[in-house]
């Protein structure tokens, strides 16, 4: 049984929807920059091989950040699903209520802090 009132659930749902929108915008804005854009720019100049290495590192870093954004979006969507199915605010491990302060700080929280490993 969920300990959160309907008002609190609506509050967290709105917060999660805002987070989802922001994350989707970040994903969309970063997908508009093709990975070869900056390499093409570098190809127009006589560059040191380290410049290409730096560019490759930045591309790999950006790809990693994109994966993190996708994972974050999935966590947000999972939290929204928990609101729908009535399990939001309850620990997935113990079934105990997650404190509102934790949900406020991390609305996608799945477990109590002391349960996490």
Protein backbone atom coordinates (compact mmCIF):
# COMPACT_ATOMS: atom_id res chain seq x y z
CA UNK A 1 0.00 0.00 0.00
CA UNK A 2 1.37 3.40 -0.94
CA UNK A 3 1.83 5.95 1.84
CA UNK A 4 1.77 8.95 -0.51
CA UNK A 5 -1.40 11.00 -0.87
CA UNK A 6 -2.95 11.60 -4.27
CA UNK A 7 -1.67 15.19 -4.10
CA UNK A 8 1.89 14.02 -3.45
CA UNK A 9 1.66 11.46 -6.24
CA UNK A 10 0.44 14.18 -8.62
CA UNK A 11 3.32 16.41 -7.47
CA UNK A 12 5.93 13.71 -8.12
CA UNK A 13 4.30 12.80 -11.43
CA UNK A 14 4.58 16.42 -12.57
CA UNK A 15 8.18 16.56 -11.40
CA UNK A 16 9.00 13.35 -13.29
CA UNK A 17 7.26 14.59 -16.44
CA UNK A 18 9.35 17.76 -16.29
CA UNK A 19 12.52 15.68 -15.85
CA UNK A 20 11.45 13.51 -18.79
CA UNK A 21 10.88 16.53 -21.01
CA UNK A 22 14.27 18.04 -20.10
CA UNK A 23 16.07 14.74 -20.70
CA UNK A 24 14.34 14.23 -24.06
CA UNK A 25 15.36 17.76 -25.08
CA UNK A 26 18.98 17.05 -24.10
CA UNK A 27 18.93 13.82 -26.12
CA UNK A 28 17.39 15.58 -29.11
CA UNK A 29 19.78 18.55 -29.01
CA UNK A 30 22.81 16.27 -28.81
CA UNK A 31 21.59 14.05 -31.64
CA UNK A 32 21.60 17.08 -33.97
CA UNK A 33 25.40 17.18 -33.86
CA UNK A 34 26.78 14.46 -36.08
CA UNK A 35 29.98 12.81 -34.91
CA UNK A 36 31.81 13.62 -38.15
CA UNK A 37 31.06 17.36 -38.07
CA UNK A 38 34.11 18.31 -36.06
CA UNK A 39 36.36 15.74 -37.73
CA UNK A 40 35.48 17.24 -41.11
CA UNK A 41 36.34 20.65 -39.73
CA UNK A 42 39.68 19.32 -38.54
CA UNK A 43 40.33 17.69 -41.92
CA UNK A 44 40.33 21.12 -43.55
CA UNK A 45 43.49 22.04 -41.65
CA UNK A 46 46.92 20.58 -41.26
CA UNK A 47 46.65 19.17 -37.73
CA UNK A 48 48.83 17.35 -35.34
CA UNK A 49 47.79 13.69 -34.76
CA UNK A 50 47.01 14.59 -31.14
CA UNK A 51 44.21 16.83 -32.36
CA UNK A 52 42.52 13.82 -33.94
CA UNK A 53 43.05 11.83 -30.75
CA UNK A 54 41.44 14.58 -28.72
CA UNK A 55 38.49 14.67 -31.10
CA UNK A 56 38.06 10.89 -30.90
CA UNK A 57 38.15 11.07 -27.09
CA UNK A 58 35.46 13.78 -27.10
CA UNK A 59 33.28 11.71 -29.41
CA UNK A 60 33.60 8.67 -27.16
CA UNK A 61 32.82 10.80 -24.11
CA UNK A 62 29.76 12.25 -25.86
CA UNK A 63 28.59 8.74 -26.82
CA UNK A 64 28.92 7.70 -23.17
CA UNK A 65 26.94 10.73 -22.05
CA UNK A 66 24.25 9.90 -24.60
CA UNK A 67 23.97 6.39 -23.13
CA UNK A 68 23.68 7.87 -19.65
CA UNK A 69 20.89 10.19 -20.83
CA UNK A 70 19.05 7.22 -22.38
CA UNK A 71 19.41 5.26 -19.12
CA UNK A 72 18.17 8.26 -17.14
CA UNK A 73 15.14 8.58 -19.44
CA UNK A 74 14.36 4.88 -18.86
CA UNK A 75 14.58 5.38 -15.07
CA UNK A 76 12.14 8.31 -15.32
CA UNK A 77 9.72 6.27 -17.44
CA UNK A 78 9.96 3.39 -14.96
CA UNK A 79 9.13 5.77 -12.09
CA UNK A 80 6.10 7.05 -14.01
CA UNK A 81 5.01 3.43 -14.52
CA UNK A 82 5.32 2.85 -10.76
CA UNK A 83 2.95 5.78 -10.18
CA UNK A 84 0.43 4.20 -12.54
CA UNK A 85 0.67 0.73 -10.98
CA UNK A 86 0.60 2.03 -7.40
CA UNK A 87 4.11 1.03 -6.33
CA UNK A 88 5.76 4.49 -6.51
CA UNK A 89 7.37 5.46 -3.22
CA UNK A 90 7.82 1.87 -2.08
CA UNK A 91 11.17 0.12 -1.98
CA UNK A 92 11.49 -2.55 -4.65
CA UNK A 93 13.67 -4.63 -2.31
CA UNK A 94 11.75 -4.45 0.97
CA UNK A 95 8.37 -2.94 0.10
CA UNK A 96 8.90 -0.34 2.81
CA UNK A 97 7.98 3.31 2.14
CA UNK A 98 10.75 5.50 0.74
CA UNK A 99 10.94 8.76 2.74
CA UNK A 100 9.53 11.80 0.94
CA UNK A 101 12.82 13.65 1.45
CA UNK A 102 14.57 10.97 -0.61
CA UNK A 103 11.90 11.12 -3.30
CA UNK A 104 12.18 14.89 -3.35
CA UNK A 105 15.95 14.66 -3.86
CA UNK A 106 15.73 11.72 -6.26
CA UNK A 107 12.23 11.20 -7.69
CA UNK A 108 13.39 8.11 -9.58
CA UNK A 109 14.46 6.34 -6.35
CA UNK A 110 13.63 2.64 -6.31
CA UNK A 111 14.95 1.68 -2.88
CA UNK A 112 15.80 2.95 0.55
CA UNK A 113 19.32 4.31 0.91
CA UNK A 114 20.47 1.63 3.36
CA UNK A 115 19.27 -1.13 1.00
CA UNK A 116 21.45 -0.02 -1.90
CA UNK A 117 24.69 -1.86 -2.52
